[in-house]
Protein backbone atom coordinates (compact mmCIF):
# COMPACT_ATOMS: atom_id res chain seq x y z
CA MET A 1 0.00 0.00 0.00
CA LYS A 2 2.90 2.38 0.53
CA ALA A 3 3.37 2.62 -3.24
CA LEU A 4 -0.28 3.69 -3.85
CA GLN A 5 -0.45 7.06 -5.61
CA VAL A 6 -4.14 7.42 -6.61
CA LEU A 7 -7.15 6.69 -4.38
CA TYR A 8 -10.79 7.19 -5.45
CA LEU A 9 -13.54 6.76 -2.84
CA GLU A 10 -17.29 6.99 -3.44
CA SER A 11 -20.23 6.71 -1.03
CA VAL A 12 -18.25 5.39 1.92
CA SER A 13 -18.18 6.40 5.56
CA PHE A 14 -15.03 5.73 7.58
CA SER A 15 -12.21 7.15 9.66
CA PRO A 16 -9.11 7.64 7.49
CA ILE A 17 -6.68 6.39 10.13
CA GLY A 18 -5.14 4.10 7.57
CA PHE A 19 -3.96 7.04 5.50
CA HIS A 20 -0.74 7.07 7.55
CA SER A 21 0.37 4.06 5.47
CA LEU A 22 0.01 6.02 2.19
CA PRO A 23 3.01 8.34 2.26
CA ASN A 24 3.30 8.40 -1.55
CA LEU A 25 -0.35 9.20 -2.26
CA LYS A 26 -0.59 11.97 -4.87
CA THR A 27 -4.32 11.96 -5.73
CA LEU A 28 -7.24 11.65 -3.30
CA TYR A 29 -10.73 11.88 -4.78
CA CYS A 30 -13.74 11.53 -2.44
CA VAL A 31 -17.31 11.64 -3.78
CA ASP A 32 -20.35 11.54 -1.47
CA CYS A 33 -18.31 10.25 1.44
CA GLU A 34 -18.30 10.90 5.19
CA LEU A 35 -14.81 11.18 6.67
CA GLU A 36 -14.18 11.35 10.40
CA ASN A 37 -11.15 13.12 11.85
CA PHE A 38 -10.16 14.25 8.38
CA SER A 39 -7.71 16.82 9.70
CA LEU A 40 -5.61 14.12 11.36
CA SER A 41 -5.31 12.17 8.13
CA LEU A 42 -3.74 15.13 6.32
CA LYS A 43 -0.63 14.95 8.46
CA ASN A 44 0.46 11.77 6.72
CA MET A 45 -0.06 12.79 3.08
CA ARG A 46 2.76 15.23 2.38
CA SER A 47 3.09 14.18 -1.29
CA LEU A 48 -0.49 14.99 -2.17
CA GLU A 49 -0.87 16.97 -5.43
CA ILE A 50 -4.59 16.55 -6.15
CA LEU A 51 -7.32 16.74 -3.51
CA ALA A 52 -11.00 16.65 -4.49
CA LEU A 53 -13.83 16.51 -1.95
CA ILE A 54 -17.23 16.42 -3.65
CA GLY A 55 -20.42 16.09 -1.61
CA THR A 56 -18.26 14.83 1.22
CA LYS A 57 -18.83 15.52 4.90
CA ILE A 58 -15.74 16.41 6.92
CA ASP A 59 -15.29 18.00 10.32
CA GLU A 60 -13.51 21.09 9.00
CA ILE A 61 -11.30 22.50 6.28
CA SER A 62 -8.02 22.27 8.14
CA GLU A 63 -4.98 24.52 8.38
CA GLU A 64 -3.03 21.34 7.69
CA LEU A 65 -3.62 22.01 3.99
CA VAL A 66 -0.99 24.72 3.98
CA LYS A 67 1.68 22.11 4.71
CA PHE A 68 1.06 20.52 1.34
CA SER A 69 3.82 22.27 -0.55
CA THR A 70 3.13 20.06 -3.57
CA LEU A 71 -0.66 20.61 -3.76
CA LYS A 72 -1.53 21.70 -7.31
CA TYR A 73 -5.28 20.94 -7.55
CA LEU A 74 -7.93 21.58 -4.89
CA ARG A 75 -11.64 21.00 -5.41
CA LEU A 76 -14.23 21.58 -2.68
CA SER A 77 -17.86 21.01 -3.63
CA GLY A 78 -20.68 20.47 -1.17
CA VAL A 79 -18.20 19.93 1.65
CA GLY A 80 -19.43 19.88 5.26
CA VAL A 81 -22.97 20.27 6.55
CA GLU A 82 -23.35 24.05 6.62
CA GLU A 83 -24.98 26.06 3.84
CA GLU A 84 -21.78 28.09 3.47
CA MET A 85 -18.35 26.51 3.42
CA ASN A 86 -16.02 27.98 6.04
CA ILE A 87 -12.49 28.47 4.73
CA PRO A 88 -9.95 29.66 7.33
CA PRO A 89 -8.53 33.16 6.69
CA ASN A 90 -5.26 33.28 4.73
CA LEU A 91 -5.47 29.57 3.94
CA VAL A 92 -5.83 29.98 0.17
CA SER A 93 -3.02 32.53 -0.15
CA ARG A 94 -0.54 30.09 1.43
CA LEU A 95 -1.17 27.33 -1.12
CA THR A 96 1.55 28.76 -3.31
CA SER A 97 1.89 25.75 -5.65
CA LEU A 98 -1.82 25.73 -6.48
CA GLN A 99 -2.59 25.68 -10.21
CA GLU A 100 -6.31 24.86 -10.07
CA LEU A 101 -8.82 25.93 -7.44
CA HIS A 102 -12.49 24.91 -7.63
CA VAL A 103 -14.70 26.02 -4.72
CA VAL A 104 -18.07 24.99 -6.11
CA SER A 105 -20.26 25.84 -3.10
CA LYS A 106 -21.14 29.02 -1.31
CA SER A 107 -18.17 29.96 0.82
CA ASN A 108 -16.47 32.80 2.65
CA ILE A 109 -13.41 32.70 0.38
CA ASN A 110 -11.44 35.94 0.40
CA LEU A 111 -10.93 36.86 -3.25
CA LEU A 112 -7.99 39.10 -2.45
CA GLU A 113 -6.01 35.97 -1.59
CA LEU A 114 -6.15 34.85 -5.22
CA ASN A 115 -3.65 37.55 -6.11
CA SER A 116 -1.01 35.60 -4.16
CA LEU A 117 -1.39 32.49 -6.33
CA SER A 118 1.04 33.26 -9.12
CA ARG A 119 0.68 29.78 -10.68
CA LEU A 120 -3.12 29.71 -10.75
CA THR A 121 -4.44 28.89 -14.24
CA ALA A 122 -7.95 27.51 -13.53
CA LEU A 123 -10.63 28.76 -11.15
CA SER A 124 -14.22 27.81 -10.38
CA VAL A 125 -16.05 29.69 -7.68
CA ILE A 126 -19.58 30.57 -6.56
CA LEU A 127 -19.82 34.02 -5.00
CA SER A 128 -22.27 36.43 -3.49
CA THR A 129 -22.54 40.01 -4.69
CA ASN A 130 -21.02 41.17 -1.40
CA GLN A 131 -17.80 39.25 -2.08
CA ILE A 132 -17.29 41.00 -5.43
CA SER A 133 -17.48 44.38 -3.70
CA GLN A 134 -14.09 43.80 -2.10
CA GLU A 135 -12.13 46.92 -2.89
CA TYR A 136 -9.54 46.91 -5.67
CA PHE A 137 -10.03 43.22 -6.47
CA VAL A 138 -9.50 42.06 -10.07
CA PHE A 139 -9.65 38.42 -11.11
CA PRO A 140 -6.25 37.12 -12.23
CA LYS A 141 -5.65 36.12 -15.84
CA LEU A 142 -6.73 32.51 -16.21
CA GLN A 143 -6.72 29.82 -18.89
CA ARG A 144 -9.98 28.22 -17.66
CA TYR A 145 -12.63 29.54 -15.32
CA ALA A 146 -16.27 29.37 -14.27
CA ILE A 147 -17.23 32.39 -12.20
CA VAL A 148 -20.79 32.46 -10.85
CA VAL A 149 -22.18 35.43 -8.93
CA ASP A 150 -25.54 34.88 -7.22
CA ASP A 151 -26.70 32.20 -9.67
CA CYS A 152 -26.64 28.43 -10.21
CA TYR A 153 -23.57 26.49 -11.30
CA THR A 154 -23.08 23.68 -13.81
CA TYR A 155 -20.24 21.31 -13.05
CA LEU A 156 -19.02 20.75 -16.58
CA LYS A 157 -18.44 24.44 -17.21
CA ALA A 158 -15.43 24.44 -14.92
CA GLN A 159 -13.79 21.64 -16.84
CA THR A 160 -14.06 22.80 -20.42
CA LEU A 161 -15.14 26.41 -20.82
CA LYS A 162 -14.47 30.01 -19.92
CA THR A 163 -17.75 31.14 -18.41
CA VAL A 164 -18.98 34.11 -16.39
CA THR A 165 -22.47 34.30 -14.86
CA ILE A 166 -23.47 37.45 -12.99
CA ALA A 167 -26.90 38.05 -11.45
CA ASN A 168 -28.51 40.71 -9.26
CA PHE A 169 -25.54 43.04 -9.56
CA SER A 170 -25.49 46.83 -9.55
CA SER A 171 -21.81 47.62 -8.88
CA SER A 172 -18.94 48.18 -11.29
CA LEU A 173 -17.85 45.16 -13.36
CA THR A 174 -14.19 46.20 -13.26
CA ALA A 175 -13.22 43.08 -11.30
CA PHE A 176 -14.07 40.96 -14.37
CA ASN A 177 -12.01 42.90 -16.91
CA ASN A 178 -9.33 40.21 -17.24
CA LEU A 179 -12.05 37.62 -17.97
CA PHE A 180 -14.12 39.62 -20.45
CA CYS A 181 -11.24 39.71 -22.91
CA ASN A 182 -11.44 35.93 -23.54
CA VAL A 183 -14.75 34.77 -22.06
CA LYS A 184 -16.65 32.20 -24.16
CA LYS A 185 -19.99 32.07 -22.34
CA LEU A 186 -21.43 35.14 -20.64
CA LYS A 187 -24.74 35.42 -18.80
CA LEU A 188 -25.98 38.66 -17.24
CA ARG A 189 -29.25 38.71 -15.31
CA ASN A 190 -30.60 41.73 -13.47
CA VAL A 191 -27.33 43.60 -13.94
CA SER A 192 -27.82 47.37 -13.89
CA GLY A 193 -25.71 50.36 -14.83
CA GLN A 194 -24.61 49.08 -18.27
CA LYS A 195 -26.06 50.46 -21.52
CA ASN A 196 -24.29 48.07 -23.88
CA ILE A 197 -21.85 45.17 -24.03
CA VAL A 198 -19.35 46.81 -26.39
CA PRO A 199 -17.61 49.01 -25.41
CA SER A 200 -18.98 49.36 -21.85
CA ILE A 201 -18.15 45.79 -20.83
CA GLY A 202 -16.10 44.22 -23.61
CA LYS A 203 -13.74 46.98 -24.61
CA THR A 204 -11.74 44.61 -26.83
CA GLY A 205 -14.79 43.34 -28.73
CA VAL A 206 -15.36 40.05 -26.82
CA ASN A 207 -14.31 38.17 -29.93
CA GLU A 208 -13.93 34.80 -28.20
CA LEU A 209 -17.51 34.92 -26.94
CA THR A 210 -19.68 32.14 -28.38
CA SER A 211 -22.79 32.38 -26.18
CA LEU A 212 -24.44 35.47 -24.68
CA LYS A 213 -27.54 35.55 -22.46
CA LEU A 214 -29.05 38.80 -21.26
CA ALA A 215 -32.12 38.98 -19.02
CA SER A 216 -33.76 41.75 -17.01
CA CYS A 217 -30.85 44.18 -17.39
CA LYS A 218 -32.97 47.31 -17.06
CA ASP A 219 -30.43 49.87 -18.35
CA MET A 220 -29.09 47.99 -21.35
CA GLU A 221 -30.18 49.34 -24.76
CA PHE A 222 -27.84 47.77 -27.37
CA LEU A 223 -25.26 45.06 -27.86
CA ILE A 224 -22.91 47.40 -29.67
CA ASP A 225 -22.50 51.17 -29.67
CA ILE A 226 -20.01 52.29 -32.30
CA THR A 227 -20.72 55.99 -32.23
CA SER A 228 -17.37 56.47 -30.49
CA ASP A 229 -14.28 56.26 -32.69
CA GLN A 230 -12.37 54.66 -29.83
CA GLY A 231 -14.26 51.37 -29.98
CA PRO A 232 -12.89 48.10 -31.44
CA THR A 233 -13.09 47.49 -35.19
CA VAL A 234 -14.08 43.82 -34.83
CA VAL A 235 -16.74 42.71 -32.35
CA PHE A 236 -18.60 39.47 -31.57
CA SER A 237 -16.81 37.73 -34.43
CA ASN A 238 -17.38 34.24 -32.92
CA LEU A 239 -20.80 34.69 -31.30
CA VAL A 240 -23.00 31.67 -32.09
CA LYS A 241 -25.92 31.89 -29.65
CA LEU A 242 -27.72 35.04 -28.54
CA ASN A 243 -30.55 35.01 -26.01
CA ILE A 244 -32.19 38.28 -24.92
CA HIS A 245 -35.19 38.30 -22.60
CA ASN A 246 -37.22 40.79 -20.61
CA MET A 247 -35.09 43.85 -21.37
CA VAL A 248 -37.25 46.88 -20.68
CA SER A 249 -34.91 49.40 -22.37
CA TRP A 250 -33.70 47.20 -25.22
CA LYS A 251 -33.73 49.01 -28.59
CA GLY A 252 -31.60 46.89 -30.90
CA LEU A 253 -28.41 45.00 -31.55
CA CYS A 254 -26.26 47.76 -32.99
CA TYR A 255 -26.33 51.53 -32.51
CA GLY A 256 -24.56 53.73 -35.01
CA LEU A 257 -23.89 50.90 -37.48
CA SER A 258 -24.30 51.75 -41.15
CA ARG A 259 -23.25 50.40 -44.53
CA SER A 260 -20.05 52.46 -44.31
CA HIS A 261 -18.80 50.28 -41.42
CA ARG A 262 -17.52 47.50 -43.63
CA ALA A 263 -14.51 46.85 -41.38
CA ILE A 264 -16.67 45.81 -38.44
CA ALA A 265 -17.27 42.07 -38.33
CA SER A 266 -20.23 41.79 -36.01
CA LEU A 267 -22.58 38.83 -35.58
CA THR A 268 -21.32 37.10 -38.73
CA ARG A 269 -21.33 33.63 -37.11
CA LEU A 270 -24.68 33.82 -35.35
CA ARG A 271 -26.66 30.58 -35.59
CA VAL A 272 -29.35 30.81 -32.93
CA VAL A 273 -31.18 34.00 -31.85
CA ARG A 274 -33.92 34.16 -29.22
CA ILE A 275 -35.49 37.49 -28.30
CA GLY A 276 -38.50 37.78 -26.03
CA SER A 277 -40.38 40.35 -23.93
CA CYS A 278 -38.41 43.32 -25.26
CA HIS A 279 -41.24 45.78 -25.82
CA GLN A 280 -39.14 48.79 -26.88
CA LEU A 281 -37.59 46.84 -29.75
CA LYS A 282 -38.95 47.69 -33.22
CA THR A 283 -36.52 46.06 -35.66
CA ILE A 284 -34.48 42.93 -34.98
CA PHE A 285 -31.63 43.42 -37.47
CA SER A 286 -30.38 46.38 -39.41
CA PRO A 287 -29.98 45.72 -43.17
CA CYS A 288 -26.17 45.71 -43.04
CA VAL A 289 -26.07 43.22 -40.16
CA ALA A 290 -28.67 40.93 -41.76
CA GLN A 291 -26.73 40.82 -44.99
CA SER A 292 -23.71 39.27 -43.25
CA MET A 293 -25.63 36.64 -41.25
CA LEU A 294 -24.96 33.66 -43.49
CA TYR A 295 -24.89 31.09 -40.67
CA ILE A 296 -28.22 31.86 -38.98
CA GLU A 297 -30.18 28.62 -38.42
CA LYS A 298 -32.86 29.42 -35.84
CA LEU A 299 -34.68 32.66 -35.11
CA PHE A 300 -37.26 32.95 -32.31
CA ILE A 301 -39.08 36.24 -31.62
CA PHE A 302 -41.85 36.18 -29.02
CA GLN A 303 -43.91 38.54 -26.86
CA CYS A 304 -42.34 41.74 -28.22
CA ASP A 305 -45.15 44.30 -28.40
CA GLY A 306 -43.18 46.85 -30.43
CA VAL A 307 -41.50 44.62 -33.03
CA GLU A 308 -42.55 45.47 -36.58
CA GLN A 309 -39.93 43.81 -38.79
CA VAL A 310 -37.11 41.29 -38.73
CA ILE A 311 -35.01 43.51 -41.01
CA GLY A 312 -35.45 47.26 -41.01
CA PHE A 313 -36.87 48.09 -44.44
CA ALA A 314 -39.51 50.66 -45.26
CA GLN A 315 -42.81 49.42 -46.67
CA GLU A 316 -42.08 50.97 -50.03
CA ASP A 317 -38.74 49.16 -50.38
CA GLU A 318 -38.39 46.51 -53.04
CA ILE A 319 -37.48 43.00 -51.90
CA PRO A 320 -33.66 42.92 -51.96
CA GLU A 321 -32.12 40.06 -53.88
CA ASN A 322 -28.92 39.94 -51.82
CA TYR A 323 -30.45 39.11 -48.44
CA TYR A 324 -30.16 35.36 -48.36
CA TRP A 325 -29.96 33.15 -45.26
CA PRO A 326 -29.02 29.78 -46.77
CA LYS A 327 -28.90 27.85 -43.46
CA LEU A 328 -32.11 29.11 -41.84
CA LYS A 329 -34.11 26.11 -40.63
CA THR A 330 -36.53 27.43 -38.03
CA LEU A 331 -38.40 30.73 -37.86
CA ARG A 332 -40.90 31.42 -35.07
CA ILE A 333 -42.54 34.80 -34.57
CA MET A 334 -45.18 34.63 -31.87
CA ASP A 335 -47.28 37.12 -29.90
CA CYS A 336 -45.91 40.22 -31.61
CA PRO A 337 -49.16 42.13 -32.25
CA ILE A 338 -47.83 44.75 -34.69
CA PHE A 339 -45.27 42.63 -36.54
CA SER A 340 -45.78 43.21 -40.25
CA CYS A 341 -42.81 42.18 -42.35
CA PHE A 342 -40.33 39.37 -42.91
CA ILE A 343 -38.06 39.97 -45.90
CA VAL A 344 -35.28 37.50 -46.51
CA GLN A 345 -34.56 34.69 -48.91
CA ALA A 346 -34.42 31.46 -46.94
CA ARG A 347 -34.74 27.72 -47.15
CA LEU A 348 -36.72 26.65 -44.09
CA LEU A 349 -36.19 22.96 -43.42
CA GLU A 350 -37.67 22.28 -39.99
CA GLY A 351 -40.31 24.71 -38.84
CA LEU A 352 -42.16 27.94 -39.53
CA VAL A 353 -44.53 29.34 -36.92
CA ILE A 354 -46.06 32.81 -37.31
CA SER A 355 -48.64 33.19 -34.57
CA ASN A 356 -50.65 36.09 -33.15
CA VAL A 357 -49.04 38.84 -35.18
CA GLY A 358 -50.33 41.89 -37.05
CA ILE A 359 -51.35 41.99 -40.69
CA ILE A 360 -48.39 40.75 -42.70
CA TRP A 361 -47.80 43.07 -45.63
CA LYS A 362 -44.79 41.29 -47.08
CA THR A 363 -43.11 37.91 -46.66
CA TYR A 364 -40.48 36.48 -48.92
CA VAL A 365 -39.55 32.83 -48.48
CA PRO A 366 -38.92 31.45 -51.99
CA VAL A 367 -38.26 27.82 -51.02
CA LEU A 368 -40.10 26.23 -48.11
CA ASN A 369 -39.38 22.57 -47.47
CA GLU A 370 -41.38 22.03 -44.30
CA ASP A 371 -42.79 19.19 -42.26
CA CYS A 372 -45.23 21.46 -40.48
CA ILE A 373 -46.24 25.12 -40.78
CA VAL A 374 -48.47 26.93 -38.30
CA VAL A 375 -49.71 30.36 -39.34
CA GLU A 376 -51.99 32.79 -37.49
CA ASN A 377 -53.67 36.13 -38.08
CA HIS A 378 -52.49 37.80 -41.24
CA GLU A 379 -54.07 39.34 -44.27
CA GLU A 380 -51.79 37.63 -46.81
CA VAL A 381 -50.23 34.45 -45.49
CA PHE A 382 -47.64 33.94 -48.23
CA GLN A 383 -46.95 36.54 -50.85
CA VAL A 384 -44.58 34.56 -53.01
CA GLN A 385 -44.60 34.41 -56.77
CA GLY A 386 -43.10 32.05 -59.30
CA GLY A 387 -44.43 28.56 -58.59
CA TYR A 388 -42.11 27.72 -55.71
CA SER A 389 -42.51 24.23 -54.35
CA PHE A 390 -43.51 23.17 -50.87
CA SER A 391 -42.00 19.84 -51.79
CA ARG A 392 -41.95 18.29 -48.29
CA ILE A 393 -44.68 20.04 -46.34
CA LYS A 394 -46.99 17.47 -44.75
CA GLU A 395 -49.16 19.53 -42.43
CA LEU A 396 -50.46 23.09 -42.69
CA ASP A 397 -52.36 24.56 -39.73
CA LEU A 398 -54.06 27.93 -40.24
CA LYS A 399 -55.46 29.66 -37.12
CA ASN A 400 -57.28 32.88 -36.26
CA LEU A 401 -57.06 34.34 -39.75
CA PHE A 402 -59.79 36.92 -39.27
CA GLU A 403 -58.30 39.31 -41.83
CA VAL A 404 -57.26 36.72 -44.37
CA ARG A 405 -57.64 37.54 -48.06
CA ILE A 406 -54.97 35.40 -49.71
CA ILE A 407 -53.36 32.26 -48.32
CA TRP A 408 -51.14 31.36 -51.26
CA ASN A 409 -50.66 31.85 -54.95
CA ASP A 410 -49.30 29.30 -57.40
CA PHE A 411 -47.75 26.87 -54.88
CA VAL A 412 -47.10 23.17 -55.33
CA LEU A 413 -48.04 21.15 -52.22
CA SER A 414 -47.21 17.67 -53.45
CA ALA A 415 -46.59 16.11 -50.01
CA LEU A 416 -49.41 17.81 -48.07
CA ARG A 417 -51.42 15.36 -45.94
CA VAL A 418 -53.27 17.50 -43.38
CA LEU A 419 -54.76 20.96 -43.86
CA THR A 420 -56.50 22.47 -40.83
CA THR A 421 -58.36 25.79 -41.07
CA PRO A 422 -60.88 27.64 -38.90
CA GLN A 423 -64.35 28.71 -40.02
CA SER A 424 -63.07 32.26 -40.52
CA VAL A 425 -61.11 31.19 -43.59
CA LYS A 426 -63.23 31.73 -46.66
CA GLN A 427 -63.14 29.31 -49.56
CA ASP A 428 -62.04 32.01 -52.03
CA ALA A 429 -58.96 32.79 -49.91
CA ILE A 430 -57.27 29.67 -51.24
CA GLN A 431 -56.26 30.47 -54.78
CA ASN A 432 -54.99 28.01 -57.39
CA PRO A 433 -53.62 25.33 -55.04
CA ILE A 434 -52.06 22.19 -56.44
CA PHE A 435 -52.53 19.38 -53.92
CA SER A 436 -51.60 15.75 -53.54
CA LYS A 437 -54.40 13.24 -54.19
CA ASN A 438 -53.65 11.62 -50.82
CA ILE A 439 -54.40 14.70 -48.77
CA ASN A 440 -56.31 14.16 -45.52
CA TRP A 441 -58.78 17.03 -45.49
CA ASN A 442 -59.56 18.28 -42.00
CA TRP A 443 -61.75 21.31 -42.55
CA ARG A 444 -63.23 22.96 -39.47
CA TRP A 445 -66.56 23.99 -40.94
CA VAL A 446 -69.48 21.89 -42.11
CA GLY A 447 -70.75 21.79 -45.66
CA SER A 448 -67.83 23.54 -47.30
CA GLN A 449 -66.85 22.54 -50.80
CA LEU A 450 -63.33 21.12 -50.96
CA PRO A 451 -60.81 22.75 -53.27
CA TYR A 452 -59.94 21.07 -56.48
CA VAL A 453 -57.61 18.09 -56.07
CA THR A 454 -55.42 17.16 -59.03
């Protein structure tokens, strides 16, 4: 046993008296254990390099840890029986060989002690807003980190990603400056005092950011404000997922962006966009931003009372030929009462839902290969010309079309099996359809004459 270097224990309860016979132990990993007299056992493990206590009950976090001159990795998660983990003062600062520190429970850790750990490259920590208010504290530069302030924590984030989650925060974000320059996942919830992400938070453009979630940040108006010449020339160049919810002051993605800003690469890699409950928002994308969004796959807009258009064109504008989203698969616009326009060339492969919106005055979706389409409440459901094929659509559900005049013109619906419409849809609203002979008609009114089936 003296030669043993790695010991993994799970769901056991014992007194580690036998640890005195493990002088060469380098890794001790305890999961859901209960260890008695743990402090005494530490005296006999001077070669320990990795110590992980996860969901493990111990009597205390001992000062004996500081005698581990070789300790490189320390993980404390759900340790002890108290709601907050008690870490002795000045303990962390004396672990001078520490390269990774993961305190994944509420604790009283003194953040100022992190500045003494010159070898620290990875950090996971759950904090309260009061801990961040420590004066003059700035997180060290790290290769991996998962920093959570007043929010929940996901274990895997600490192992693979650079993540920052901040909630219920009204102080300066200066302490996070070293992390914002290379953060990959950022979540801000109920954070006040910030009007934008760039340049207020990400002065360098947050170009490593892949996922951004914003919720209930009452002062934030835009993602990007480029009215100042001092801002970065490239921003959000790797952003893939954008989720914006319940932003009472939110006005748009970019402020001051025009066609003359060709050097700014913003939002070019976006794939998934979700925007909801942003009632000040009128237009989702400016024309110059939309033109560069060649990777967009999913777009969800819901419960935005002020949204009128996806792309900001005037009603008199002609449909532009160069706005093409070749990868768009899912479009859902729901509960936006004055929404009126969707102008983009797209191939929708998975789902189209337009529900509880205003009178649509222009849509342009030249190729729709759908399994199911749900459409509600417009005057003209599809205003598309040229005999485009709905080659895969199997089910079409039309709801609440009180203003309907035209559902479609010159469409081929060769795979359609189910068509559901309310009584409010008049027979003459369906013009020149070409259906499959195998269609399963499911009309909602009695005695109506079916359209012509080829």
